[in-house]
């Protein structure tokens, strides 16, 4: 993928279907945001650590997500440059929660996105 290539955005519902089919939902928010509420079965790698984590996602489809879509778009670009099949969740966790999809806190209780 070239430097200026566009990463495909997917709606939260489509991201959930892809996750259910085996794609990795990668939440790139900060730890306090993650602890307050994240998608079940998501993986957490803060944006600052994504570039060093590219190799761990080799051969997988990755869906990046943050609060609103900006940080996850940056993460998606980093992963794409590393050869990863990646898509960005449009609207981030705000849209995920707004679509009625599950959000859990770090202890497994219902979570929140702020």
PDB file of N, CA and C in Angstrom:
ATOM      1  N   UNK A   1       0.851  -1.169   0.000  1.00  0.00           N
ATOM      2  CA  UNK A   1       0.000   0.000   0.000  1.00  0.00           C
ATOM      3  C   UNK A   1       0.894   1.228   0.000  1.00  0.00           C
ATOM      4  N   UNK A   2       0.562   2.203  -0.799  1.00  0.00           N
ATOM      5  CA  UNK A   2       1.371   3.413  -0.872  1.00  0.00           C
ATOM      6  C   UNK A   2       0.974   4.381   0.232  1.00  0.00           C
ATOM      7  N   UNK A   3       1.834   5.367   0.458  1.00  0.00           N
ATOM      8  CA  UNK A   3       1.670   6.308   1.558  1.00  0.00           C
ATOM      9  C   UNK A   3       0.311   6.987   1.576  1.00  0.00           C
ATOM     10  N   UNK A   4      -0.221   7.369   0.421  1.00  0.00           N
ATOM     11  CA  UNK A   4      -1.472   8.108   0.386  1.00  0.00           C
ATOM     12  C   UNK A   4      -2.706   7.267   0.155  1.00  0.00           C
ATOM     13  N   UNK A   5      -2.581   5.950   0.189  1.00  0.00           N
ATOM     14  CA  UNK A   5      -3.715   5.085  -0.112  1.00  0.00           C
ATOM     15  C   UNK A   5      -4.824   5.231   0.916  1.00  0.00           C
ATOM     16  N   UNK A   6      -6.031   5.118   0.440  1.00  0.00           N
ATOM     17  CA  UNK A   6      -7.224   5.247   1.284  1.00  0.00           C
ATOM     18  C   UNK A   6      -7.538   3.906   1.933  1.00  0.00           C
ATOM     19  N   UNK A   7      -7.741   3.941   3.227  1.00  0.00           N
ATOM     20  CA  UNK A   7      -8.154   2.758   3.982  1.00  0.00           C
ATOM     21  C   UNK A   7      -9.678   2.694   3.919  1.00  0.00           C
ATOM     22  N   UNK A   8     -10.206   1.501   3.716  1.00  0.00           N
ATOM     23  CA  UNK A   8     -11.661   1.335   3.668  1.00  0.00           C
ATOM     24  C   UNK A   8     -12.256   1.498   5.061  1.00  0.00           C
ATOM     25  N   UNK A   9     -13.321   2.298   5.142  1.00  0.00           N
ATOM     26  CA  UNK A   9     -14.096   2.417   6.377  1.00  0.00           C
ATOM     27  C   UNK A   9     -15.230   1.399   6.341  1.00  0.00           C
ATOM     28  N   UNK A  10     -15.525   0.808   7.490  1.00  0.00           N
ATOM     29  CA  UNK A  10     -16.657  -0.115   7.595  1.00  0.00           C
ATOM     30  C   UNK A  10     -17.568   0.362   8.715  1.00  0.00           C
ATOM     31  N   UNK A  11     -18.857   0.176   8.520  1.00  0.00           N
ATOM     32  CA  UNK A  11     -19.840   0.525   9.546  1.00  0.00           C
ATOM     33  C   UNK A  11     -19.665  -0.409  10.745  1.00  0.00           C
ATOM     34  N   UNK A  12     -20.040   0.050  11.932  1.00  0.00           N
ATOM     35  CA  UNK A  12     -19.899  -0.798  13.120  1.00  0.00           C
ATOM     36  C   UNK A  12     -20.548  -2.178  12.971  1.00  0.00           C
ATOM     37  N   UNK A  13     -21.727  -2.232  12.384  1.00  0.00           N
ATOM     38  CA  UNK A  13     -22.417  -3.526  12.228  1.00  0.00           C
ATOM     39  C   UNK A  13     -21.616  -4.463  11.323  1.00  0.00           C
ATOM     40  N   UNK A  14     -21.020  -3.901  10.266  1.00  0.00           N
ATOM     41  CA  UNK A  14     -20.188  -4.716   9.376  1.00  0.00           C
ATOM     42  C   UNK A  14     -18.911  -5.154  10.082  1.00  0.00           C
ATOM     43  N   UNK A  15     -18.352  -4.260  10.894  1.00  0.00           N
ATOM     44  CA  UNK A  15     -17.164  -4.609  11.667  1.00  0.00           C
ATOM     45  C   UNK A  15     -17.464  -5.764  12.614  1.00  0.00           C
ATOM     46  N   UNK A  16     -18.625  -5.716  13.252  1.00  0.00           N
ATOM     47  CA  UNK A  16     -19.017  -6.792  14.178  1.00  0.00           C
ATOM     48  C   UNK A  16     -19.133  -8.117  13.434  1.00  0.00           C
ATOM     49  N   UNK A  17     -19.728  -8.094  12.239  1.00  0.00           N
ATOM     50  CA  UNK A  17     -19.837  -9.329  11.438  1.00  0.00           C
ATOM     51  C   UNK A  17     -18.446  -9.853  11.065  1.00  0.00           C
ATOM     52  N   UNK A  18     -17.558  -8.951  10.680  1.00  0.00           N
ATOM     53  CA  UNK A  18     -16.192  -9.363  10.336  1.00  0.00           C
ATOM     54  C   UNK A  18     -15.465  -9.912  11.566  1.00  0.00           C
ATOM     55  N   UNK A  19     -15.651  -9.268  12.719  1.00  0.00           N
ATOM     56  CA  UNK A  19     -15.044  -9.752  13.957  1.00  0.00           C
ATOM     57  C   UNK A  19     -15.571 -11.148  14.282  1.00  0.00           C
ATOM     58  N   UNK A  20     -16.873 -11.327  14.160  1.00  0.00           N
ATOM     59  CA  UNK A  20     -17.467 -12.639  14.424  1.00  0.00           C
ATOM     60  C   UNK A  20     -16.924 -13.701  13.477  1.00  0.00           C
ATOM     61  N   UNK A  21     -16.493 -13.276  12.286  1.00  0.00           N
ATOM     62  CA  UNK A  21     -15.928 -14.191  11.298  1.00  0.00           C
ATOM     63  C   UNK A  21     -14.431 -14.412  11.448  1.00  0.00           C
ATOM     64  N   UNK A  22     -13.821 -13.802  12.463  1.00  0.00           N
ATOM     65  CA  UNK A  22     -12.411 -14.055  12.727  1.00  0.00           C
ATOM     66  C   UNK A  22     -11.484 -12.865  12.605  1.00  0.00           C
ATOM     67  N   UNK A  23     -11.977 -11.723  12.158  1.00  0.00           N
ATOM     68  CA  UNK A  23     -11.125 -10.534  12.084  1.00  0.00           C
ATOM     69  C   UNK A  23     -10.803 -10.041  13.496  1.00  0.00           C
ATOM     70  N   UNK A  24      -9.667  -9.395  13.641  1.00  0.00           N
ATOM     71  CA  UNK A  24      -9.247  -8.821  14.916  1.00  0.00           C
ATOM     72  C   UNK A  24      -9.793  -7.405  15.010  1.00  0.00           C
ATOM     73  N   UNK A  25     -10.552  -7.115  16.069  1.00  0.00           N
ATOM     74  CA  UNK A  25     -10.997  -5.753  16.343  1.00  0.00           C
ATOM     75  C   UNK A  25      -9.953  -5.148  17.262  1.00  0.00           C
ATOM     76  N   UNK A  26      -9.201  -4.174  16.739  1.00  0.00           N
ATOM     77  CA  UNK A  26      -8.081  -3.582  17.460  1.00  0.00           C
ATOM     78  C   UNK A  26      -8.443  -2.188  17.945  1.00  0.00           C
ATOM     79  N   UNK A  27      -8.573  -2.047  19.254  1.00  0.00           N
ATOM     80  CA  UNK A  27      -8.905  -0.773  19.881  1.00  0.00           C
ATOM     81  C   UNK A  27      -7.602  -0.049  20.200  1.00  0.00           C
ATOM     82  N   UNK A  28      -7.423   1.161  19.629  1.00  0.00           N
ATOM     83  CA  UNK A  28      -6.159   1.885  19.769  1.00  0.00           C
ATOM     84  C   UNK A  28      -6.266   3.072  20.735  1.00  0.00           C
ATOM     85  N   UNK A  29      -7.339   3.106  21.539  1.00  0.00           N
ATOM     86  CA  UNK A  29      -7.511   4.194  22.493  1.00  0.00           C
ATOM     87  C   UNK A  29      -6.556   4.023  23.682  1.00  0.00           C
ATOM     88  N   UNK A  30      -6.509   5.038  24.511  1.00  0.00           N
ATOM     89  CA  UNK A  30      -5.676   4.989  25.719  1.00  0.00           C
ATOM     90  C   UNK A  30      -6.300   4.032  26.731  1.00  0.00           C
ATOM     91  N   UNK A  31      -5.492   3.606  27.685  1.00  0.00           N
ATOM     92  CA  UNK A  31      -5.939   2.590  28.653  1.00  0.00           C
ATOM     93  C   UNK A  31      -7.160   3.010  29.460  1.00  0.00           C
ATOM     94  N   UNK A  32      -7.259   4.282  29.852  1.00  0.00           N
ATOM     95  CA  UNK A  32      -8.423   4.702  30.628  1.00  0.00           C
ATOM     96  C   UNK A  32      -9.699   4.626  29.797  1.00  0.00           C
ATOM     97  N   UNK A  33      -9.601   4.924  28.506  1.00  0.00           N
ATOM     98  CA  UNK A  33     -10.767   4.810  27.614  1.00  0.00           C
ATOM     99  C   UNK A  33     -11.166   3.345  27.453  1.00  0.00           C
ATOM    100  N   UNK A  34     -10.184   2.486  27.251  1.00  0.00           N
ATOM    101  CA  UNK A  34     -10.406   1.051  27.115  1.00  0.00           C
ATOM    102  C   UNK A  34     -11.077   0.492  28.370  1.00  0.00           C
ATOM    103  N   UNK A  35     -10.548   0.858  29.545  1.00  0.00           N
ATOM    104  CA  UNK A  35     -11.090   0.350  30.805  1.00  0.00           C
ATOM    105  C   UNK A  35     -12.556   0.738  30.998  1.00  0.00           C
ATOM    106  N   UNK A  36     -12.930   1.945  30.573  1.00  0.00           N
ATOM    107  CA  UNK A  36     -14.305   2.435  30.746  1.00  0.00           C
ATOM    108  C   UNK A  36     -15.293   1.684  29.863  1.00  0.00           C
ATOM    109  N   UNK A  37     -14.864   1.298  28.668  1.00  0.00           N
ATOM    110  CA  UNK A  37     -15.775   0.580  27.788  1.00  0.00           C
ATOM    111  C   UNK A  37     -15.158   0.253  26.455  1.00  0.00           C
ATOM    112  N   UNK A  38     -15.251  -1.026  26.073  1.00  0.00           N
ATOM    113  CA  UNK A  38     -14.727  -1.497  24.789  1.00  0.00           C
ATOM    114  C   UNK A  38     -15.608  -2.630  24.267  1.00  0.00           C
ATOM    115  N   UNK A  39     -15.415  -2.960  23.026  1.00  0.00           N
ATOM    116  CA  UNK A  39     -16.177  -4.058  22.428  1.00  0.00           C
ATOM    117  C   UNK A  39     -15.696  -5.393  23.003  1.00  0.00           C
ATOM    118  N   UNK A  40     -16.620  -6.306  23.263  1.00  0.00           N
ATOM    119  CA  UNK A  40     -16.216  -7.631  23.729  1.00  0.00           C
ATOM    120  C   UNK A  40     -15.271  -8.286  22.715  1.00  0.00           C
ATOM    121  N   UNK A  41     -14.288  -8.977  23.218  1.00  0.00           N
ATOM    122  CA  UNK A  41     -13.321  -9.731  22.419  1.00  0.00           C
ATOM    123  C   UNK A  41     -12.414  -8.861  21.550  1.00  0.00           C
ATOM    124  N   UNK A  42     -12.388  -7.573  21.807  1.00  0.00           N
ATOM    125  CA  UNK A  42     -11.447  -6.705  21.096  1.00  0.00           C
ATOM    126  C   UNK A  42     -10.059  -6.876  21.705  1.00  0.00           C
ATOM    127  N   UNK A  43      -9.044  -6.465  20.953  1.00  0.00           N
ATOM    128  CA  UNK A  43      -7.685  -6.422  21.468  1.00  0.00           C
ATOM    129  C   UNK A  43      -7.324  -4.961  21.678  1.00  0.00           C
ATOM    130  N   UNK A  44      -6.452  -4.702  22.632  1.00  0.00           N
ATOM    131  CA  UNK A  44      -6.082  -3.325  22.962  1.00  0.00           C
ATOM    132  C   UNK A  44      -4.594  -3.101  22.733  1.00  0.00           C
ATOM    133  N   UNK A  45      -4.283  -2.163  21.845  1.00  0.00           N
ATOM    134  CA  UNK A  45      -2.921  -1.681  21.646  1.00  0.00           C
ATOM    135  C   UNK A  45      -3.043  -0.172  21.452  1.00  0.00           C
ATOM    136  N   UNK A  46      -2.605   0.634  22.428  1.00  0.00           N
ATOM    137  CA  UNK A  46      -2.696   2.088  22.263  1.00  0.00           C
ATOM    138  C   UNK A  46      -1.984   2.543  20.981  1.00  0.00           C
ATOM    139  N   UNK A  47      -2.486   3.616  20.395  1.00  0.00           N
ATOM    140  CA  UNK A  47      -1.954   4.113  19.125  1.00  0.00           C
ATOM    141  C   UNK A  47      -0.437   4.237  19.139  1.00  0.00           C
ATOM    142  N   UNK A  48       0.139   4.725  20.220  1.00  0.00           N
ATOM    143  CA  UNK A  48       1.591   4.921  20.298  1.00  0.00           C
ATOM    144  C   UNK A  48       2.372   3.623  20.163  1.00  0.00           C
ATOM    145  N   UNK A  49       1.718   2.476  20.378  1.00  0.00           N
ATOM    146  CA  UNK A  49       2.393   1.181  20.328  1.00  0.00           C
ATOM    147  C   UNK A  49       2.067   0.381  19.062  1.00  0.00           C
ATOM    148  N   UNK A  50       1.193   0.897  18.208  1.00  0.00           N
ATOM    149  CA  UNK A  50       0.754   0.136  17.031  1.00  0.00           C
ATOM    150  C   UNK A  50       1.897  -0.158  16.077  1.00  0.00           C
ATOM    151  N   UNK A  51       2.704   0.836  15.778  1.00  0.00           N
ATOM    152  CA  UNK A  51       3.774   0.636  14.801  1.00  0.00           C
ATOM    153  C   UNK A  51       4.697  -0.515  15.185  1.00  0.00           C
ATOM    154  N   UNK A  52       4.983  -0.657  16.468  1.00  0.00           N
ATOM    155  CA  UNK A  52       5.828  -1.744  16.932  1.00  0.00           C
ATOM    156  C   UNK A  52       5.116  -3.080  17.047  1.00  0.00           C
ATOM    157  N   UNK A  53       3.811  -3.099  16.803  1.00  0.00           N
ATOM    158  CA  UNK A  53       3.014  -4.318  16.941  1.00  0.00           C
ATOM    159  C   UNK A  53       2.559  -4.905  15.616  1.00  0.00           C
ATOM    160  N   UNK A  54       2.990  -4.331  14.501  1.00  0.00           N
ATOM    161  CA  UNK A  54       2.499  -4.753  13.187  1.00  0.00           C
ATOM    162  C   UNK A  54       2.684  -6.249  12.965  1.00  0.00           C
ATOM    163  N   UNK A  55       3.863  -6.780  13.287  1.00  0.00           N
ATOM    164  CA  UNK A  55       4.166  -8.186  12.999  1.00  0.00           C
ATOM    165  C   UNK A  55       3.194  -9.146  13.672  1.00  0.00           C
ATOM    166  N   UNK A  56       2.658  -8.769  14.820  1.00  0.00           N
ATOM    167  CA  UNK A  56       1.745  -9.686  15.534  1.00  0.00           C
ATOM    168  C   UNK A  56       0.431  -9.893  14.786  1.00  0.00           C
ATOM    169  N   UNK A  57       0.120  -9.024  13.813  1.00  0.00           N
ATOM    170  CA  UNK A  57      -1.136  -9.137  13.065  1.00  0.00           C
ATOM    171  C   UNK A  57      -0.952  -9.706  11.656  1.00  0.00           C
ATOM    172  N   UNK A  58       0.236 -10.189  11.358  1.00  0.00           N
ATOM    173  CA  UNK A  58       0.512 -10.740  10.025  1.00  0.00           C
ATOM    174  C   UNK A  58      -0.472 -11.868   9.702  1.00  0.00           C
ATOM    175  N   UNK A  59      -1.008 -11.814   8.495  1.00  0.00           N
ATOM    176  CA  UNK A  59      -1.911 -12.859   8.028  1.00  0.00           C
ATOM    177  C   UNK A  59      -3.337 -12.745   8.537  1.00  0.00           C
ATOM    178  N   UNK A  60      -3.642 -11.685   9.276  1.00  0.00           N
ATOM    179  CA  UNK A  60      -4.978 -11.506   9.822  1.00  0.00           C
ATOM    180  C   UNK A  60      -5.654 -10.271   9.218  1.00  0.00           C
ATOM    181  N   UNK A  61      -6.957 -10.262   9.240  1.00  0.00           N
ATOM    182  CA  UNK A  61      -7.700  -9.052   8.910  1.00  0.00           C
ATOM    183  C   UNK A  61      -7.884  -8.286  10.211  1.00  0.00           C
ATOM    184  N   UNK A  62      -7.556  -6.986  10.182  1.00  0.00           N
ATOM    185  CA  UNK A  62      -7.627  -6.155  11.385  1.00  0.00           C
ATOM    186  C   UNK A  62      -8.599  -5.014  11.143  1.00  0.00           C
ATOM    187  N   UNK A  63      -9.433  -4.759  12.128  1.00  0.00           N
ATOM    188  CA  UNK A  63     -10.386  -3.653  12.122  1.00  0.00           C
ATOM    189  C   UNK A  63      -9.952  -2.700  13.220  1.00  0.00           C
ATOM    190  N   UNK A  64      -9.540  -1.499  12.859  1.00  0.00           N
ATOM    191  CA  UNK A  64      -9.077  -0.549  13.874  1.00  0.00           C
ATOM    192  C   UNK A  64     -10.234   0.307  14.358  1.00  0.00           C
ATOM    193  N   UNK A  65     -10.220   0.628  15.652  1.00  0.00           N
ATOM    194  CA  UNK A  65     -11.280   1.442  16.247  1.00  0.00           C
ATOM    195  C   UNK A  65     -10.693   2.319  17.354  1.00  0.00           C
ATOM    196  N   UNK A  66     -11.215   3.540  17.471  1.00  0.00           N
ATOM    197  CA  UNK A  66     -10.883   4.441  18.576  1.00  0.00           C
ATOM    198  C   UNK A  66     -12.200   5.065  19.028  1.00  0.00           C
ATOM    199  N   UNK A  67     -12.176   6.259  19.595  1.00  0.00           N
ATOM    200  CA  UNK A  67     -13.439   6.868  20.041  1.00  0.00           C
ATOM    201  C   UNK A  67     -14.266   7.354  18.860  1.00  0.00           C
ATOM    202  N   UNK A  68     -13.640   8.084  17.933  1.00  0.00           N
ATOM    203  CA  UNK A  68     -14.405   8.672  16.832  1.00  0.00           C
ATOM    204  C   UNK A  68     -13.925   8.344  15.437  1.00  0.00           C
ATOM    205  N   UNK A  69     -12.766   7.724  15.300  1.00  0.00           N
ATOM    206  CA  UNK A  69     -12.274   7.308  13.991  1.00  0.00           C
ATOM    207  C   UNK A  69     -10.965   7.924  13.547  1.00  0.00           C
ATOM    208  N   UNK A  70     -10.504   8.981  14.202  1.00  0.00           N
ATOM    209  CA  UNK A  70      -9.277   9.648  13.783  1.00  0.00           C
ATOM    210  C   UNK A  70      -8.009   8.874  14.118  1.00  0.00           C
ATOM    211  N   UNK A  71      -7.867   8.487  15.376  1.00  0.00           N
ATOM    212  CA  UNK A  71      -6.676   7.724  15.777  1.00  0.00           C
ATOM    213  C   UNK A  71      -6.637   6.367  15.102  1.00  0.00           C
ATOM    214  N   UNK A  72      -7.801   5.748  14.963  1.00  0.00           N
ATOM    215  CA  UNK A  72      -7.812   4.421  14.338  1.00  0.00           C
ATOM    216  C   UNK A  72      -7.464   4.502  12.854  1.00  0.00           C
ATOM    217  N   UNK A  73      -7.784   5.624  12.194  1.00  0.00           N
ATOM    218  CA  UNK A  73      -7.382   5.805  10.797  1.00  0.00           C
ATOM    219  C   UNK A  73      -5.859   5.860  10.693  1.00  0.00           C
ATOM    220  N   UNK A  74      -5.211   6.525  11.640  1.00  0.00           N
ATOM    221  CA  UNK A  74      -3.743   6.574  11.663  1.00  0.00           C
ATOM    222  C   UNK A  74      -3.172   5.179  11.895  1.00  0.00           C
ATOM    223  N   UNK A  75      -3.771   4.452  12.827  1.00  0.00           N
ATOM    224  CA  UNK A  75      -3.317   3.088  13.111  1.00  0.00           C
ATOM    225  C   UNK A  75      -3.499   2.196  11.888  1.00  0.00           C
ATOM    226  N   UNK A  76      -4.623   2.347  11.205  1.00  0.00           N
ATOM    227  CA  UNK A  76      -4.891   1.541  10.014  1.00  0.00           C
ATOM    228  C   UNK A  76      -3.836   1.802   8.944  1.00  0.00           C
ATOM    229  N   UNK A  77      -3.461   3.055   8.765  1.00  0.00           N
ATOM    230  CA  UNK A  77      -2.438   3.392   7.780  1.00  0.00           C
ATOM    231  C   UNK A  77      -1.105   2.731   8.141  1.00  0.00           C
ATOM    232  N   UNK A  78      -0.736   2.761   9.428  1.00  0.00           N
ATOM    233  CA  UNK A  78       0.510   2.111   9.867  1.00  0.00           C
ATOM    234  C   UNK A  78       0.480   0.618   9.570  1.00  0.00           C
ATOM    235  N   UNK A  79      -0.642  -0.010   9.896  1.00  0.00           N
ATOM    236  CA  UNK A  79      -0.766  -1.453   9.659  1.00  0.00           C
ATOM    237  C   UNK A  79      -0.744  -1.771   8.169  1.00  0.00           C
ATOM    238  N   UNK A  80      -1.438  -0.961   7.370  1.00  0.00           N
ATOM    239  CA  UNK A  80      -1.472  -1.186   5.926  1.00  0.00           C
ATOM    240  C   UNK A  80      -0.076  -1.071   5.326  1.00  0.00           C
ATOM    241  N   UNK A  81       0.686  -0.105   5.784  1.00  0.00           N
ATOM    242  CA  UNK A  81       2.062   0.049   5.294  1.00  0.00           C
ATOM    243  C   UNK A  81       2.915  -1.152   5.670  1.00  0.00           C
ATOM    244  N   UNK A  82       2.521  -1.858   6.727  1.00  0.00           N
ATOM    245  CA  UNK A  82       3.202  -3.080   7.140  1.00  0.00           C
ATOM    246  C   UNK A  82       2.667  -4.326   6.456  1.00  0.00           C
ATOM    247  N   UNK A  83       1.761  -4.143   5.500  1.00  0.00           N
ATOM    248  CA  UNK A  83       1.243  -5.275   4.735  1.00  0.00           C
ATOM    249  C   UNK A  83       0.038  -5.970   5.333  1.00  0.00           C
ATOM    250  N   UNK A  84      -0.587  -5.364   6.328  1.00  0.00           N
ATOM    251  CA  UNK A  84      -1.740  -5.972   6.994  1.00  0.00           C
ATOM    252  C   UNK A  84      -3.028  -5.602   6.252  1.00  0.00           C
ATOM    253  N   UNK A  85      -3.941  -6.567   6.130  1.00  0.00           N
ATOM    254  CA  UNK A  85      -5.278  -6.333   5.579  1.00  0.00           C
ATOM    255  C   UNK A  85      -6.069  -5.632   6.673  1.00  0.00           C
ATOM    256  N   UNK A  86      -6.368  -4.341   6.456  1.00  0.00           N
ATOM    257  CA  UNK A  86      -6.947  -3.537   7.534  1.00  0.00           C
ATOM    258  C   UNK A  86      -8.089  -2.667   7.036  1.00  0.00           C
ATOM    259  N   UNK A  87      -9.055  -2.457   7.929  1.00  0.00           N
ATOM    260  CA  UNK A  87     -10.168  -1.539   7.691  1.00  0.00           C
ATOM    261  C   UNK A  87     -10.365  -0.722   8.962  1.00  0.00           C
ATOM    262  N   UNK A  88     -10.935   0.462   8.812  1.00  0.00           N
ATOM    263  CA  UNK A  88     -11.180   1.358   9.936  1.00  0.00           C
ATOM    264  C   UNK A  88     -12.679   1.369  10.249  1.00  0.00           C
ATOM    265  N   UNK A  89     -13.030   1.287  11.523  1.00  0.00           N
ATOM    266  CA  UNK A  89     -14.438   1.326  11.928  1.00  0.00           C
ATOM    267  C   UNK A  89     -14.913   2.779  11.904  1.00  0.00           C
ATOM    268  N   UNK A  90     -15.827   3.078  10.985  1.00  0.00           N
ATOM    269  CA  UNK A  90     -16.351   4.439  10.811  1.00  0.00           C
ATOM    270  C   UNK A  90     -17.068   4.900  12.073  1.00  0.00           C
ATOM    271  N   UNK A  91     -16.700   6.069  12.565  1.00  0.00           N
ATOM    272  CA  UNK A  91     -17.355   6.619  13.750  1.00  0.00           C
ATOM    273  C   UNK A  91     -16.857   6.076  15.065  1.00  0.00           C
ATOM    274  N   UNK A  92     -15.959   5.104  15.018  1.00  0.00           N
ATOM    275  CA  UNK A  92     -15.333   4.565  16.215  1.00  0.00           C
ATOM    276  C   UNK A  92     -16.295   3.935  17.211  1.00  0.00           C
ATOM    277  N   UNK A  93     -15.846   3.889  18.461  1.00  0.00           N
ATOM    278  CA  UNK A  93     -16.655   3.280  19.521  1.00  0.00           C
ATOM    279  C   UNK A  93     -17.909   4.086  19.814  1.00  0.00           C
ATOM    280  N   UNK A  94     -17.892   5.383  19.506  1.00  0.00           N
ATOM    281  CA  UNK A  94     -19.102   6.187  19.678  1.00  0.00           C
ATOM    282  C   UNK A  94     -20.200   5.646  18.770  1.00  0.00           C
ATOM    283  N   UNK A  95     -19.859   5.366  17.508  1.00  0.00           N
ATOM    284  CA  UNK A  95     -20.829   4.807  16.563  1.00  0.00           C
ATOM    285  C   UNK A  95     -21.170   3.363  16.922  1.00  0.00           C
ATOM    286  N   UNK A  96     -20.171   2.601  17.391  1.00  0.00           N
ATOM    287  CA  UNK A  96     -20.394   1.209  17.811  1.00  0.00           C
ATOM    288  C   UNK A  96     -21.491   1.161  18.881  1.00  0.00           C
ATOM    289  N   UNK A  97     -21.320   1.971  19.928  1.00  0.00           N
ATOM    290  CA  UNK A  97     -22.296   1.996  21.012  1.00  0.00           C
ATOM    291  C   UNK A  97     -23.633   2.547  20.512  1.00  0.00           C
ATOM    292  N   UNK A  98     -23.586   3.570  19.668  1.00  0.00           N
ATOM    293  CA  UNK A  98     -24.797   4.157  19.112  1.00  0.00           C
ATOM    294  C   UNK A  98     -25.581   3.198  18.235  1.00  0.00           C
ATOM    295  N   UNK A  99     -24.898   2.188  17.709  1.00  0.00           N
ATOM    296  CA  UNK A  99     -25.556   1.166  16.881  1.00  0.00           C
ATOM    297  C   UNK A  99     -26.174   0.064  17.728  1.00  0.00           C
ATOM    298  N   UNK A 100     -26.027   0.173  19.044  1.00  0.00           N
ATOM    299  CA  UNK A 100     -26.609  -0.831  19.933  1.00  0.00           C
ATOM    300  C   UNK A 100     -25.738  -2.045  20.135  1.00  0.00           C
ATOM    301  N   UNK A 101     -24.484  -1.981  19.686  1.00  0.00           N
ATOM    302  CA  UNK A 101     -23.570  -3.107  19.877  1.00  0.00           C
ATOM    303  C   UNK A 101     -23.024  -3.078  21.301  1.00  0.00           C
ATOM    304  N   UNK A 102     -22.650  -4.226  21.804  1.00  0.00           N
ATOM    305  CA  UNK A 102     -22.217  -4.360  23.191  1.00  0.00           C
ATOM    306  C   UNK A 102     -20.934  -3.587  23.479  1.00  0.00           C
ATOM    307  N   UNK A 103     -20.895  -3.002  24.668  1.00  0.00           N
ATOM    308  CA  UNK A 103     -19.717  -2.332  25.205  1.00  0.00           C
ATOM    309  C   UNK A 103     -19.575  -2.807  26.646  1.00  0.00           C
ATOM    310  N   UNK A 104     -18.371  -3.287  26.980  1.00  0.00           N
ATOM    311  CA  UNK A 104     -18.119  -3.791  28.335  1.00  0.00           C
ATOM    312  C   UNK A 104     -16.948  -3.034  28.949  1.00  0.00           C
ATOM    313  N   UNK A 105     -16.954  -2.944  30.280  1.00  0.00           N
ATOM    314  CA  UNK A 105     -15.830  -2.338  30.982  1.00  0.00           C
ATOM    315  C   UNK A 105     -14.770  -3.414  31.238  1.00  0.00           C
ATOM    316  N   UNK A 106     -13.663  -2.999  31.794  1.00  0.00           N
ATOM    317  CA  UNK A 106     -12.569  -3.932  32.023  1.00  0.00           C
ATOM    318  C   UNK A 106     -12.970  -5.098  32.913  1.00  0.00           C
ATOM    319  N   UNK A 107     -13.919  -4.885  33.850  1.00  0.00           N
ATOM    320  CA  UNK A 107     -14.348  -5.971  34.735  1.00  0.00           C
ATOM    321  C   UNK A 107     -15.510  -6.790  34.148  1.00  0.00           C
ATOM    322  N   UNK A 108     -15.903  -6.485  32.885  1.00  0.00           N
ATOM    323  CA  UNK A 108     -16.947  -7.259  32.227  1.00  0.00           C
ATOM    324  C   UNK A 108     -18.348  -6.724  32.400  1.00  0.00           C
ATOM    325  N   UNK A 109     -18.517  -5.704  33.248  1.00  0.00           N
ATOM    326  CA  UNK A 109     -19.821  -5.101  33.413  1.00  0.00           C
ATOM    327  C   UNK A 109     -20.100  -4.155  32.229  1.00  0.00           C
ATOM    328  N   UNK A 110     -21.348  -3.710  32.070  1.00  0.00           N
ATOM    329  CA  UNK A 110     -21.635  -2.800  30.954  1.00  0.00           C
ATOM    330  C   UNK A 110     -20.720  -1.572  31.002  1.00  0.00           C
ATOM    331  N   UNK A 111     -20.200  -1.216  29.833  1.00  0.00           N
ATOM    332  CA  UNK A 111     -19.252  -0.116  29.756  1.00  0.00           C
ATOM    333  C   UNK A 111     -19.845   1.116  29.125  1.00  0.00           C
ATOM    334  N   UNK A 112     -19.026   2.150  29.029  1.00  0.00           N
ATOM    335  CA  UNK A 112     -19.430   3.405  28.436  1.00  0.00           C
ATOM    336  C   UNK A 112     -18.327   3.943  27.547  1.00  0.00           C
ATOM    337  N   UNK A 113     -18.699   4.765  26.600  1.00  0.00           N
ATOM    338  CA  UNK A 113     -17.741   5.420  25.719  1.00  0.00           C
ATOM    339  C   UNK A 113     -17.960   6.921  25.882  1.00  0.00           C
ATOM    340  N   UNK A 114     -16.880   7.633  26.208  1.00  0.00           N
ATOM    341  CA  UNK A 114     -17.016   9.084  26.360  1.00  0.00           C
ATOM    342  C   UNK A 114     -15.894   9.794  25.634  1.00  0.00           C
TER     343      UNK A 114
END
